[in-house]
């Protein structure tokens, strides 16, 4: 239960907020217009916002954070080039 609470309350970013707002707006519009298809679409957006998923699933498009400059320099090997005439 603690994991679910942590997942719902943390890691809110622009895309997640946009999905939530868009879902709520489409839900309100669907209720006002008596349109069940808009309601279903809004539920998809609200679900994606609450569970922090996107079109790709759970962090399928995740890219790791950039490493420090020092660790990048340690992992690179010096390459020697020889001129061919």
PDB file of N, CA and C in Angstrom:
ATOM      1  N   UNK A   1       0.825  -1.196   0.000  1.00  0.00           N
ATOM      2  CA  UNK A   1       0.000   0.000   0.000  1.00  0.00           C
ATOM      3  C   UNK A   1       0.868   1.258   0.000  1.00  0.00           C
ATOM      4  N   UNK A   2       2.003   1.196   0.702  1.00  0.00           N
ATOM      5  CA  UNK A   2       2.889   2.343   0.754  1.00  0.00           C
ATOM      6  C   UNK A   2       3.452   2.652  -0.633  1.00  0.00           C
ATOM      7  N   UNK A   3       3.725   1.624  -1.422  1.00  0.00           N
ATOM      8  CA  UNK A   3       4.247   1.814  -2.765  1.00  0.00           C
ATOM      9  C   UNK A   3       3.222   2.508  -3.661  1.00  0.00           C
ATOM     10  N   UNK A   4       1.958   2.123  -3.538  1.00  0.00           N
ATOM     11  CA  UNK A   4       0.897   2.750  -4.327  1.00  0.00           C
ATOM     12  C   UNK A   4       0.751   4.217  -3.960  1.00  0.00           C
ATOM     13  N   UNK A   5       0.786   4.512  -2.664  1.00  0.00           N
ATOM     14  CA  UNK A   5       0.680   5.895  -2.200  1.00  0.00           C
ATOM     15  C   UNK A   5       1.861   6.714  -2.709  1.00  0.00           C
ATOM     16  N   UNK A   6       3.053   6.132  -2.651  1.00  0.00           N
ATOM     17  CA  UNK A   6       4.241   6.829  -3.126  1.00  0.00           C
ATOM     18  C   UNK A   6       4.158   7.059  -4.631  1.00  0.00           C
ATOM     19  N   UNK A   7       3.662   6.094  -5.369  1.00  0.00           N
ATOM     20  CA  UNK A   7       3.549   6.215  -6.819  1.00  0.00           C
ATOM     21  C   UNK A   7       2.555   7.295  -7.220  1.00  0.00           C
ATOM     22  N   UNK A   8       1.466   7.419  -6.443  1.00  0.00           N
ATOM     23  CA  UNK A   8       0.453   8.420  -6.765  1.00  0.00           C
ATOM     24  C   UNK A   8       0.892   9.839  -6.415  1.00  0.00           C
ATOM     25  N   UNK A   9       1.679   9.975  -5.368  1.00  0.00           N
ATOM     26  CA  UNK A   9       1.991  11.305  -4.864  1.00  0.00           C
ATOM     27  C   UNK A   9       3.335  11.857  -5.315  1.00  0.00           C
ATOM     28  N   UNK A  10       4.174  11.056  -5.951  1.00  0.00           N
ATOM     29  CA  UNK A  10       5.493  11.532  -6.363  1.00  0.00           C
ATOM     30  C   UNK A  10       5.658  11.459  -7.875  1.00  0.00           C
ATOM     31  N   UNK A  11       6.723  12.099  -8.346  1.00  0.00           N
ATOM     32  CA  UNK A  11       7.133  12.059  -9.747  1.00  0.00           C
ATOM     33  C   UNK A  11       6.095  12.665 -10.696  1.00  0.00           C
ATOM     34  N   UNK A  12       5.504  13.777 -10.310  1.00  0.00           N
ATOM     35  CA  UNK A  12       4.581  14.492 -11.192  1.00  0.00           C
ATOM     36  C   UNK A  12       5.389  15.437 -12.065  1.00  0.00           C
ATOM     37  N   UNK A  13       5.286  15.267 -13.375  1.00  0.00           N
ATOM     38  CA  UNK A  13       6.003  16.098 -14.323  1.00  0.00           C
ATOM     39  C   UNK A  13       5.004  16.688 -15.306  1.00  0.00           C
ATOM     40  N   UNK A  14       5.486  17.459 -16.248  1.00  0.00           N
ATOM     41  CA  UNK A  14       4.605  18.202 -17.155  1.00  0.00           C
ATOM     42  C   UNK A  14       3.704  17.264 -17.945  1.00  0.00           C
ATOM     43  N   UNK A  15       4.230  16.178 -18.460  1.00  0.00           N
ATOM     44  CA  UNK A  15       3.426  15.263 -19.264  1.00  0.00           C
ATOM     45  C   UNK A  15       2.334  14.604 -18.419  1.00  0.00           C
ATOM     46  N   UNK A  16       2.660  14.252 -17.206  1.00  0.00           N
ATOM     47  CA  UNK A  16       1.680  13.596 -16.334  1.00  0.00           C
ATOM     48  C   UNK A  16       0.571  14.568 -15.936  1.00  0.00           C
ATOM     49  N   UNK A  17       0.926  15.798 -15.621  1.00  0.00           N
ATOM     50  CA  UNK A  17      -0.075  16.813 -15.292  1.00  0.00           C
ATOM     51  C   UNK A  17      -0.946  17.110 -16.499  1.00  0.00           C
ATOM     52  N   UNK A  18      -0.344  17.172 -17.682  1.00  0.00           N
ATOM     53  CA  UNK A  18      -1.096  17.431 -18.908  1.00  0.00           C
ATOM     54  C   UNK A  18      -2.107  16.322 -19.169  1.00  0.00           C
ATOM     55  N   UNK A  19      -1.710  15.066 -18.972  1.00  0.00           N
ATOM     56  CA  UNK A  19      -2.647  13.954 -19.152  1.00  0.00           C
ATOM     57  C   UNK A  19      -3.815  14.054 -18.178  1.00  0.00           C
ATOM     58  N   UNK A  20      -3.520  14.412 -16.924  1.00  0.00           N
ATOM     59  CA  UNK A  20      -4.578  14.506 -15.919  1.00  0.00           C
ATOM     60  C   UNK A  20      -5.556  15.623 -16.253  1.00  0.00           C
ATOM     61  N   UNK A  21      -5.033  16.787 -16.614  1.00  0.00           N
ATOM     62  CA  UNK A  21      -5.897  17.923 -16.945  1.00  0.00           C
ATOM     63  C   UNK A  21      -6.707  17.633 -18.200  1.00  0.00           C
ATOM     64  N   UNK A  22      -6.066  17.069 -19.209  1.00  0.00           N
ATOM     65  CA  UNK A  22      -6.767  16.738 -20.446  1.00  0.00           C
ATOM     66  C   UNK A  22      -7.858  15.703 -20.189  1.00  0.00           C
ATOM     67  N   UNK A  23      -7.557  14.708 -19.388  1.00  0.00           N
ATOM     68  CA  UNK A  23      -8.553  13.695 -19.062  1.00  0.00           C
ATOM     69  C   UNK A  23      -9.741  14.269 -18.323  1.00  0.00           C
ATOM     70  N   UNK A  24      -9.485  15.149 -17.357  1.00  0.00           N
ATOM     71  CA  UNK A  24     -10.582  15.759 -16.616  1.00  0.00           C
ATOM     72  C   UNK A  24     -11.429  16.669 -17.502  1.00  0.00           C
ATOM     73  N   UNK A  25     -10.772  17.439 -18.383  1.00  0.00           N
ATOM     74  CA  UNK A  25     -11.525  18.317 -19.286  1.00  0.00           C
ATOM     75  C   UNK A  25     -12.398  17.527 -20.252  1.00  0.00           C
ATOM     76  N   UNK A  26     -11.856  16.458 -20.814  1.00  0.00           N
ATOM     77  CA  UNK A  26     -12.637  15.633 -21.740  1.00  0.00           C
ATOM     78  C   UNK A  26     -13.764  14.912 -20.995  1.00  0.00           C
ATOM     79  N   UNK A  27     -13.523  14.502 -19.744  1.00  0.00           N
ATOM     80  CA  UNK A  27     -14.566  13.874 -18.942  1.00  0.00           C
ATOM     81  C   UNK A  27     -15.715  14.842 -18.679  1.00  0.00           C
ATOM     82  N   UNK A  28     -15.385  16.070 -18.314  1.00  0.00           N
ATOM     83  CA  UNK A  28     -16.423  17.082 -18.083  1.00  0.00           C
ATOM     84  C   UNK A  28     -17.201  17.354 -19.364  1.00  0.00           C
ATOM     85  N   UNK A  29     -16.490  17.462 -20.498  1.00  0.00           N
ATOM     86  CA  UNK A  29     -17.154  17.684 -21.775  1.00  0.00           C
ATOM     87  C   UNK A  29     -18.055  16.511 -22.137  1.00  0.00           C
ATOM     88  N   UNK A  30     -17.581  15.293 -21.895  1.00  0.00           N
ATOM     89  CA  UNK A  30     -18.385  14.112 -22.196  1.00  0.00           C
ATOM     90  C   UNK A  30     -19.649  14.042 -21.357  1.00  0.00           C
ATOM     91  N   UNK A  31     -19.551  14.445 -20.092  1.00  0.00           N
ATOM     92  CA  UNK A  31     -20.739  14.448 -19.225  1.00  0.00           C
ATOM     93  C   UNK A  31     -21.719  15.508 -19.696  1.00  0.00           C
ATOM     94  N   UNK A  32     -21.225  16.695 -20.032  1.00  0.00           N
ATOM     95  CA  UNK A  32     -22.109  17.775 -20.475  1.00  0.00           C
ATOM     96  C   UNK A  32     -22.795  17.448 -21.796  1.00  0.00           C
ATOM     97  N   UNK A  33     -22.081  16.803 -22.696  1.00  0.00           N
ATOM     98  CA  UNK A  33     -22.626  16.497 -24.026  1.00  0.00           C
ATOM     99  C   UNK A  33     -23.330  15.140 -24.078  1.00  0.00           C
ATOM    100  N   UNK A  34     -23.310  14.394 -22.968  1.00  0.00           N
ATOM    101  CA  UNK A  34     -23.887  13.042 -22.910  1.00  0.00           C
ATOM    102  C   UNK A  34     -23.249  12.142 -23.977  1.00  0.00           C
ATOM    103  N   UNK A  35     -21.932  12.225 -24.068  1.00  0.00           N
ATOM    104  CA  UNK A  35     -21.175  11.471 -25.066  1.00  0.00           C
ATOM    105  C   UNK A  35     -20.335  10.425 -24.343  1.00  0.00           C
ATOM    106  N   UNK A  36     -20.687   9.146 -24.492  1.00  0.00           N
ATOM    107  CA  UNK A  36     -19.995   8.085 -23.773  1.00  0.00           C
ATOM    108  C   UNK A  36     -18.607   7.816 -24.356  1.00  0.00           C
ATOM    109  N   UNK A  37     -18.412   8.080 -25.660  1.00  0.00           N
ATOM    110  CA  UNK A  37     -17.094   7.833 -26.252  1.00  0.00           C
ATOM    111  C   UNK A  37     -16.058   8.823 -25.704  1.00  0.00           C
ATOM    112  N   UNK A  38     -16.447  10.060 -25.489  1.00  0.00           N
ATOM    113  CA  UNK A  38     -15.530  11.031 -24.883  1.00  0.00           C
ATOM    114  C   UNK A  38     -15.212  10.624 -23.447  1.00  0.00           C
ATOM    115  N   UNK A  39     -16.185  10.054 -22.762  1.00  0.00           N
ATOM    116  CA  UNK A  39     -15.956   9.583 -21.399  1.00  0.00           C
ATOM    117  C   UNK A  39     -14.946   8.448 -21.356  1.00  0.00           C
ATOM    118  N   UNK A  40     -15.016   7.534 -22.312  1.00  0.00           N
ATOM    119  CA  UNK A  40     -14.052   6.435 -22.364  1.00  0.00           C
ATOM    120  C   UNK A  40     -12.643   6.933 -22.678  1.00  0.00           C
ATOM    121  N   UNK A  41     -12.541   7.881 -23.592  1.00  0.00           N
ATOM    122  CA  UNK A  41     -11.234   8.445 -23.930  1.00  0.00           C
ATOM    123  C   UNK A  41     -10.652   9.171 -22.727  1.00  0.00           C
ATOM    124  N   UNK A  42     -11.503   9.886 -21.999  1.00  0.00           N
ATOM    125  CA  UNK A  42     -11.010  10.604 -20.819  1.00  0.00           C
ATOM    126  C   UNK A  42     -10.530   9.631 -19.756  1.00  0.00           C
ATOM    127  N   UNK A  43     -11.183   8.492 -19.625  1.00  0.00           N
ATOM    128  CA  UNK A  43     -10.743   7.496 -18.652  1.00  0.00           C
ATOM    129  C   UNK A  43      -9.360   6.948 -18.990  1.00  0.00           C
ATOM    130  N   UNK A  44      -9.061   6.839 -20.268  1.00  0.00           N
ATOM    131  CA  UNK A  44      -7.730   6.390 -20.688  1.00  0.00           C
ATOM    132  C   UNK A  44      -6.674   7.410 -20.260  1.00  0.00           C
ATOM    133  N   UNK A  45      -6.948   8.698 -20.491  1.00  0.00           N
ATOM    134  CA  UNK A  45      -5.993   9.740 -20.103  1.00  0.00           C
ATOM    135  C   UNK A  45      -5.842   9.821 -18.587  1.00  0.00           C
ATOM    136  N   UNK A  46      -6.935   9.699 -17.864  1.00  0.00           N
ATOM    137  CA  UNK A  46      -6.871   9.744 -16.405  1.00  0.00           C
ATOM    138  C   UNK A  46      -6.098   8.531 -15.877  1.00  0.00           C
ATOM    139  N   UNK A  47      -6.325   7.357 -16.457  1.00  0.00           N
ATOM    140  CA  UNK A  47      -5.590   6.160 -16.056  1.00  0.00           C
ATOM    141  C   UNK A  47      -4.090   6.340 -16.283  1.00  0.00           C
ATOM    142  N   UNK A  48      -3.708   6.902 -17.448  1.00  0.00           N
ATOM    143  CA  UNK A  48      -2.290   7.114 -17.738  1.00  0.00           C
ATOM    144  C   UNK A  48      -1.675   8.101 -16.751  1.00  0.00           C
ATOM    145  N   UNK A  49      -2.428   9.116 -16.344  1.00  0.00           N
ATOM    146  CA  UNK A  49      -1.901  10.102 -15.402  1.00  0.00           C
ATOM    147  C   UNK A  49      -1.756   9.510 -14.009  1.00  0.00           C
ATOM    148  N   UNK A  50      -2.745   8.742 -13.560  1.00  0.00           N
ATOM    149  CA  UNK A  50      -2.706   8.192 -12.210  1.00  0.00           C
ATOM    150  C   UNK A  50      -1.619   7.136 -12.070  1.00  0.00           C
ATOM    151  N   UNK A  51      -1.467   6.274 -13.065  1.00  0.00           N
ATOM    152  CA  UNK A  51      -0.489   5.196 -12.982  1.00  0.00           C
ATOM    153  C   UNK A  51       0.888   5.587 -13.509  1.00  0.00           C
ATOM    154  N   UNK A  52       1.024   6.821 -14.023  1.00  0.00           N
ATOM    155  CA  UNK A  52       2.283   7.323 -14.563  1.00  0.00           C
ATOM    156  C   UNK A  52       2.787   6.444 -15.704  1.00  0.00           C
ATOM    157  N   UNK A  53       1.900   6.078 -16.587  1.00  0.00           N
ATOM    158  CA  UNK A  53       2.265   5.336 -17.786  1.00  0.00           C
ATOM    159  C   UNK A  53       1.974   6.200 -19.000  1.00  0.00           C
ATOM    160  N   UNK A  54       2.534   5.820 -20.113  1.00  0.00           N
ATOM    161  CA  UNK A  54       2.293   6.534 -21.349  1.00  0.00           C
ATOM    162  C   UNK A  54       1.852   5.557 -22.415  1.00  0.00           C
ATOM    163  N   UNK A  55       1.964   5.961 -23.626  1.00  0.00           N
ATOM    164  CA  UNK A  55       1.568   5.103 -24.734  1.00  0.00           C
ATOM    165  C   UNK A  55       2.482   3.893 -24.863  1.00  0.00           C
ATOM    166  N   UNK A  56       3.704   4.014 -24.368  1.00  0.00           N
ATOM    167  CA  UNK A  56       4.680   2.929 -24.491  1.00  0.00           C
ATOM    168  C   UNK A  56       4.612   1.936 -23.339  1.00  0.00           C
ATOM    169  N   UNK A  57       3.833   2.184 -22.327  1.00  0.00           N
ATOM    170  CA  UNK A  57       3.783   1.304 -21.169  1.00  0.00           C
ATOM    171  C   UNK A  57       4.589   1.879 -20.024  1.00  0.00           C
ATOM    172  N   UNK A  58       4.940   1.035 -19.095  1.00  0.00           N
ATOM    173  CA  UNK A  58       5.627   1.489 -17.892  1.00  0.00           C
ATOM    174  C   UNK A  58       7.100   1.716 -18.198  1.00  0.00           C
ATOM    175  N   UNK A  59       7.485   2.939 -18.385  1.00  0.00           N
ATOM    176  CA  UNK A  59       8.861   3.389 -18.601  1.00  0.00           C
ATOM    177  C   UNK A  59       9.577   2.631 -19.708  1.00  0.00           C
ATOM    178  N   UNK A  60       8.900   2.302 -20.771  1.00  0.00           N
ATOM    179  CA  UNK A  60       9.550   1.636 -21.896  1.00  0.00           C
ATOM    180  C   UNK A  60      10.449   2.603 -22.657  1.00  0.00           C
ATOM    181  N   UNK A  61      10.124   3.879 -22.620  1.00  0.00           N
ATOM    182  CA  UNK A  61      10.932   4.881 -23.309  1.00  0.00           C
ATOM    183  C   UNK A  61      11.897   5.566 -22.365  1.00  0.00           C
ATOM    184  N   UNK A  62      12.164   4.958 -21.241  1.00  0.00           N
ATOM    185  CA  UNK A  62      13.023   5.543 -20.214  1.00  0.00           C
ATOM    186  C   UNK A  62      14.461   5.583 -20.690  1.00  0.00           C
ATOM    187  N   UNK A  63      15.118   6.713 -20.478  1.00  0.00           N
ATOM    188  CA  UNK A  63      16.541   6.824 -20.749  1.00  0.00           C
ATOM    189  C   UNK A  63      17.249   7.144 -19.434  1.00  0.00           C
ATOM    190  N   UNK A  64      18.361   6.498 -19.158  1.00  0.00           N
ATOM    191  CA  UNK A  64      19.044   6.739 -17.884  1.00  0.00           C
ATOM    192  C   UNK A  64      19.616   8.153 -17.815  1.00  0.00           C
ATOM    193  N   UNK A  65      19.828   8.615 -16.599  1.00  0.00           N
ATOM    194  CA  UNK A  65      20.392   9.943 -16.397  1.00  0.00           C
ATOM    195  C   UNK A  65      21.822   9.994 -16.919  1.00  0.00           C
ATOM    196  N   UNK A  66      22.223  11.155 -17.331  1.00  0.00           N
ATOM    197  CA  UNK A  66      23.569  11.336 -17.868  1.00  0.00           C
ATOM    198  C   UNK A  66      24.605  11.174 -16.761  1.00  0.00           C
ATOM    199  N   UNK A  67      25.685  10.495 -17.083  1.00  0.00           N
ATOM    200  CA  UNK A  67      26.747  10.274 -16.104  1.00  0.00           C
ATOM    201  C   UNK A  67      27.585  11.527 -15.939  1.00  0.00           C
ATOM    202  N   UNK A  68      28.311  11.580 -14.845  1.00  0.00           N
ATOM    203  CA  UNK A  68      29.201  12.707 -14.598  1.00  0.00           C
ATOM    204  C   UNK A  68      30.317  12.739 -15.629  1.00  0.00           C
ATOM    205  N   UNK A  69      30.866  13.914 -15.828  1.00  0.00           N
ATOM    206  CA  UNK A  69      31.941  14.091 -16.800  1.00  0.00           C
ATOM    207  C   UNK A  69      33.181  13.292 -16.407  1.00  0.00           C
ATOM    208  N   UNK A  70      33.471  13.209 -15.110  1.00  0.00           N
ATOM    209  CA  UNK A  70      34.654  12.479 -14.645  1.00  0.00           C
ATOM    210  C   UNK A  70      34.551  10.993 -14.948  1.00  0.00           C
ATOM    211  N   UNK A  71      33.398  10.410 -14.736  1.00  0.00           N
ATOM    212  CA  UNK A  71      33.255   8.978 -15.005  1.00  0.00           C
ATOM    213  C   UNK A  71      33.293   8.692 -16.490  1.00  0.00           C
ATOM    214  N   UNK A  72      32.833   9.629 -17.309  1.00  0.00           N
ATOM    215  CA  UNK A  72      32.919   9.427 -18.753  1.00  0.00           C
ATOM    216  C   UNK A  72      34.371   9.452 -19.215  1.00  0.00           C
ATOM    217  N   UNK A  73      35.175  10.331 -18.637  1.00  0.00           N
ATOM    218  CA  UNK A  73      36.584  10.402 -19.022  1.00  0.00           C
ATOM    219  C   UNK A  73      37.351   9.169 -18.579  1.00  0.00           C
ATOM    220  N   UNK A  74      36.977   8.579 -17.463  1.00  0.00           N
ATOM    221  CA  UNK A  74      37.657   7.387 -16.981  1.00  0.00           C
ATOM    222  C   UNK A  74      37.333   6.178 -17.848  1.00  0.00           C
ATOM    223  N   UNK A  75      36.151   6.127 -18.409  1.00  0.00           N
ATOM    224  CA  UNK A  75      35.731   4.963 -19.182  1.00  0.00           C
ATOM    225  C   UNK A  75      36.153   5.021 -20.642  1.00  0.00           C
ATOM    226  N   UNK A  76      36.632   6.164 -21.107  1.00  0.00           N
ATOM    227  CA  UNK A  76      37.032   6.253 -22.505  1.00  0.00           C
ATOM    228  C   UNK A  76      38.502   5.884 -22.650  1.00  0.00           C
ATOM    229  N   UNK A  77      38.811   5.220 -23.729  1.00  0.00           N
ATOM    230  CA  UNK A  77      40.194   4.825 -24.018  1.00  0.00           C
ATOM    231  C   UNK A  77      40.780   5.802 -25.025  1.00  0.00           C
ATOM    232  N   UNK A  78      42.048   6.050 -24.894  1.00  0.00           N
ATOM    233  CA  UNK A  78      42.730   6.941 -25.836  1.00  0.00           C
ATOM    234  C   UNK A  78      42.952   6.183 -27.141  1.00  0.00           C
ATOM    235  N   UNK A  79      42.540   6.774 -28.230  1.00  0.00           N
ATOM    236  CA  UNK A  79      42.674   6.139 -29.541  1.00  0.00           C
ATOM    237  C   UNK A  79      43.811   6.811 -30.291  1.00  0.00           C
ATOM    238  N   UNK A  80      44.725   6.000 -30.791  1.00  0.00           N
ATOM    239  CA  UNK A  80      45.855   6.524 -31.565  1.00  0.00           C
ATOM    240  C   UNK A  80      45.543   6.335 -33.032  1.00  0.00           C
ATOM    241  N   UNK A  81      45.757   7.405 -33.793  1.00  0.00           N
ATOM    242  CA  UNK A  81      45.528   7.355 -35.233  1.00  0.00           C
ATOM    243  C   UNK A  81      46.858   7.421 -35.956  1.00  0.00           C
ATOM    244  N   UNK A  82      46.938   6.663 -37.039  1.00  0.00           N
ATOM    245  CA  UNK A  82      48.156   6.657 -37.846  1.00  0.00           C
ATOM    246  C   UNK A  82      47.799   7.111 -39.237  1.00  0.00           C
ATOM    247  N   UNK A  83      48.558   8.072 -39.732  1.00  0.00           N
ATOM    248  CA  UNK A  83      48.275   8.624 -41.045  1.00  0.00           C
ATOM    249  C   UNK A  83      48.783   7.687 -42.130  1.00  0.00           C
ATOM    250  N   UNK A  84      47.937   7.389 -43.088  1.00  0.00           N
ATOM    251  CA  UNK A  84      48.296   6.509 -44.204  1.00  0.00           C
ATOM    252  C   UNK A  84      48.366   7.360 -45.454  1.00  0.00           C
ATOM    253  N   UNK A  85      49.500   7.242 -46.174  1.00  0.00           N
ATOM    254  CA  UNK A  85      49.663   8.030 -47.408  1.00  0.00           C
ATOM    255  C   UNK A  85      49.625   7.149 -48.618  1.00  0.00           C
TER     256      UNK A  85
END
